[in-house]
Amino acid sequence: MALDQEGLVLLAFRLYDSKGALVAESGGLEHFPDGVTVRCGAGEVLLAVPADNNKPIRYRLYNCHGSLLTWSDGGRTKIYPLLRMGGRNQRDLRTG
């Protein structure tokens, strides 16, 4: 997640399901004015970002091997030991 110069929320994502299959990717930072919901083929919500910035974001993030890294229901967040975080600048997110 990032903010642009006008304060718009931008998202970049690459989402895998519990089997490690790539479900969706944004291709870089994008603005989703109507929000965005991504479900896997089994119907599991992998990402739910509402259009209203005051409402919580929900997600279940798996790695490319199907291991659950973290999840949040908007109120609670669980982080599992395999999760590694590192900073990337906006240019890196656009180019991969």
C-alpha atoms as a PDB file:
ATOM      1  CA  MET A   1       0.000   0.000   0.000  1.00  0.00           C
ATOM      2  CA  ALA A   2       1.108   3.527  -0.732  1.00  0.00           C
ATOM      3  CA  LEU A   3      -0.276   7.031  -1.066  1.00  0.00           C
ATOM      4  CA  ASP A   4       0.241   9.092  -4.185  1.00  0.00           C
ATOM      5  CA  GLN A   5       0.891  12.838  -4.222  1.00  0.00           C
ATOM      6  CA  GLU A   6      -2.853  13.582  -4.044  1.00  0.00           C
ATOM      7  CA  GLY A   7      -3.377  11.221  -1.093  1.00  0.00           C
ATOM      8  CA  LEU A   8      -5.018   8.421  -3.095  1.00  0.00           C
ATOM      9  CA  VAL A   9      -4.472   4.928  -1.728  1.00  0.00           C
ATOM     10  CA  LEU A  10      -2.578   2.703  -4.163  1.00  0.00           C
ATOM     11  CA  LEU A  11      -2.250  -1.071  -3.923  1.00  0.00           C
ATOM     12  CA  ALA A  12       0.156  -3.566  -5.421  1.00  0.00           C
ATOM     13  CA  PHE A  13      -0.383  -7.267  -4.887  1.00  0.00           C
ATOM     14  CA  ARG A  14       0.424 -10.769  -6.027  1.00  0.00           C
ATOM     15  CA  LEU A  15      -1.949 -13.285  -4.435  1.00  0.00           C
ATOM     16  CA  TYR A  16      -1.609 -17.049  -4.196  1.00  0.00           C
ATOM     17  CA  ASP A  17      -4.130 -19.592  -2.922  1.00  0.00           C
ATOM     18  CA  SER A  18      -3.633 -22.361  -0.360  1.00  0.00           C
ATOM     19  CA  LYS A  19      -2.274 -24.638  -3.099  1.00  0.00           C
ATOM     20  CA  GLY A  20       0.348 -22.123  -4.185  1.00  0.00           C
ATOM     21  CA  ALA A  21      -1.391 -21.199  -7.438  1.00  0.00           C
ATOM     22  CA  LEU A  22      -1.210 -17.576  -8.553  1.00  0.00           C
ATOM     23  CA  VAL A  23      -4.735 -16.150  -8.326  1.00  0.00           C
ATOM     24  CA  ALA A  24      -4.270 -12.450  -9.107  1.00  0.00           C
ATOM     25  CA  GLU A  25      -1.679  -9.729  -9.387  1.00  0.00           C
ATOM     26  CA  SER A  26      -2.034  -6.023  -9.866  1.00  0.00           C
ATOM     27  CA  GLY A  27       0.959  -5.459 -12.117  1.00  0.00           C
ATOM     28  CA  GLY A  28       2.139  -2.594  -9.913  1.00  0.00           C
ATOM     29  CA  LEU A  29       0.620   0.151  -7.842  1.00  0.00           C
ATOM     30  CA  GLU A  30      -2.971   0.850  -8.843  1.00  0.00           C
ATOM     31  CA  HIS A  31      -5.853   2.897  -7.496  1.00  0.00           C
ATOM     32  CA  PHE A  32      -9.079   0.955  -6.850  1.00  0.00           C
ATOM     33  CA  PRO A  33     -11.728   3.661  -6.273  1.00  0.00           C
ATOM     34  CA  ASP A  34     -14.517   1.055  -5.980  1.00  0.00           C
ATOM     35  CA  GLY A  35     -12.478  -1.195  -3.703  1.00  0.00           C
ATOM     36  CA  VAL A  36     -11.331  -4.648  -4.709  1.00  0.00           C
ATOM     37  CA  THR A  37     -12.138  -8.200  -3.655  1.00  0.00           C
ATOM     38  CA  VAL A  38     -10.110 -11.189  -4.805  1.00  0.00           C
ATOM     39  CA  ARG A  39     -11.319 -14.745  -4.252  1.00  0.00           C
ATOM     40  CA  CYS A  40      -9.579 -17.966  -5.165  1.00  0.00           C
ATOM     41  CA  GLY A  41     -11.301 -20.673  -7.208  1.00  0.00           C
ATOM     42  CA  ALA A  42     -12.553 -22.322  -3.998  1.00  0.00           C
ATOM     43  CA  GLY A  43     -14.289 -19.056  -3.002  1.00  0.00           C
ATOM     44  CA  GLU A  44     -11.908 -18.086  -0.184  1.00  0.00           C
ATOM     45  CA  VAL A  45     -11.468 -14.317   0.127  1.00  0.00           C
ATOM     46  CA  LEU A  46      -7.780 -13.553  -0.305  1.00  0.00           C
ATOM     47  CA  LEU A  47      -8.131  -9.770  -0.300  1.00  0.00           C
ATOM     48  CA  ALA A  48     -11.050  -7.461   0.439  1.00  0.00           C
ATOM     49  CA  VAL A  49     -10.356  -3.740   0.324  1.00  0.00           C
ATOM     50  CA  PRO A  50     -13.541  -1.684   0.667  1.00  0.00           C
ATOM     51  CA  ALA A  51     -14.077   1.540  -1.257  1.00  0.00           C
ATOM     52  CA  ASP A  52     -14.648   3.305   2.084  1.00  0.00           C
ATOM     53  CA  ASN A  53     -11.204   4.029   3.593  1.00  0.00           C
ATOM     54  CA  ASN A  54     -12.760   3.964   7.079  1.00  0.00           C
ATOM     55  CA  LYS A  55     -13.702   0.287   6.785  1.00  0.00           C
ATOM     56  CA  PRO A  56     -11.223  -2.514   7.540  1.00  0.00           C
ATOM     57  CA  ILE A  57      -9.192  -4.455   5.004  1.00  0.00           C
ATOM     58  CA  ARG A  58      -9.448  -8.258   5.175  1.00  0.00           C
ATOM     59  CA  TYR A  59      -6.916 -10.672   3.741  1.00  0.00           C
ATOM     60  CA  ARG A  60      -5.387 -14.152   3.764  1.00  0.00           C
ATOM     61  CA  LEU A  61      -1.900 -14.121   2.305  1.00  0.00           C
ATOM     62  CA  TYR A  62      -0.302 -17.348   1.115  1.00  0.00           C
ATOM     63  CA  ASN A  63       3.134 -17.788  -0.431  1.00  0.00           C
ATOM     64  CA  CYS A  64       3.812 -19.511  -3.743  1.00  0.00           C
ATOM     65  CA  HIS A  65       4.095 -22.844  -1.892  1.00  0.00           C
ATOM     66  CA  GLY A  66       0.631 -22.516  -0.356  1.00  0.00           C
ATOM     67  CA  SER A  67       1.804 -21.719   3.189  1.00  0.00           C
ATOM     68  CA  LEU A  68      -0.338 -19.207   5.077  1.00  0.00           C
ATOM     69  CA  LEU A  69       1.814 -16.188   5.924  1.00  0.00           C
ATOM     70  CA  THR A  70      -0.695 -13.872   7.585  1.00  0.00           C
ATOM     71  CA  TRP A  71      -4.400 -13.154   7.766  1.00  0.00           C
ATOM     72  CA  SER A  72      -6.640 -10.422   9.092  1.00  0.00           C
ATOM     73  CA  ASP A  73     -10.380 -10.195   9.574  1.00  0.00           C
ATOM     74  CA  GLY A  74     -10.126  -6.418   9.908  1.00  0.00           C
ATOM     75  CA  GLY A  75     -10.006  -6.541  13.687  1.00  0.00           C
ATOM     76  CA  ARG A  76      -7.389  -9.159  14.442  1.00  0.00           C
ATOM     77  CA  THR A  77      -4.229 -10.059  12.546  1.00  0.00           C
ATOM     78  CA  LYS A  78      -2.239 -13.277  12.792  1.00  0.00           C
ATOM     79  CA  ILE A  79       1.333 -13.432  11.507  1.00  0.00           C
ATOM     80  CA  TYR A  80       2.979 -16.803  10.934  1.00  0.00           C
ATOM     81  CA  PRO A  81       6.743 -17.513  11.182  1.00  0.00           C
ATOM     82  CA  LEU A  82       7.315 -17.783   7.410  1.00  0.00           C
ATOM     83  CA  LEU A  83       6.363 -14.133   6.801  1.00  0.00           C
ATOM     84  CA  ARG A  84       9.280 -11.914   5.827  1.00  0.00           C
ATOM     85  CA  MET A  85       8.813  -8.223   5.231  1.00  0.00           C
ATOM     86  CA  GLY A  86      11.045  -5.765   3.483  1.00  0.00           C
ATOM     87  CA  GLY A  87      10.577  -2.277   2.196  1.00  0.00           C
ATOM     88  CA  ARG A  88      10.288  -1.499  -1.490  1.00  0.00           C
ATOM     89  CA  ASN A  89      10.020   1.857  -3.071  1.00  0.00           C
ATOM     90  CA  GLN A  90       7.304   2.802  -5.538  1.00  0.00           C
ATOM     91  CA  ARG A  91       9.579   2.278  -8.548  1.00  0.00           C
ATOM     92  CA  ASP A  92      10.399  -1.285  -7.426  1.00  0.00           C
ATOM     93  CA  LEU A  93       6.699  -2.131  -7.122  1.00  0.00           C
ATOM     94  CA  ARG A  94       5.991  -0.945 -10.658  1.00  0.00           C
ATOM     95  CA  THR A  95       8.828  -2.902 -12.210  1.00  0.00           C
ATOM     96  CA  GLY A  96       8.700  -6.047 -10.044  1.00  0.00           C
END
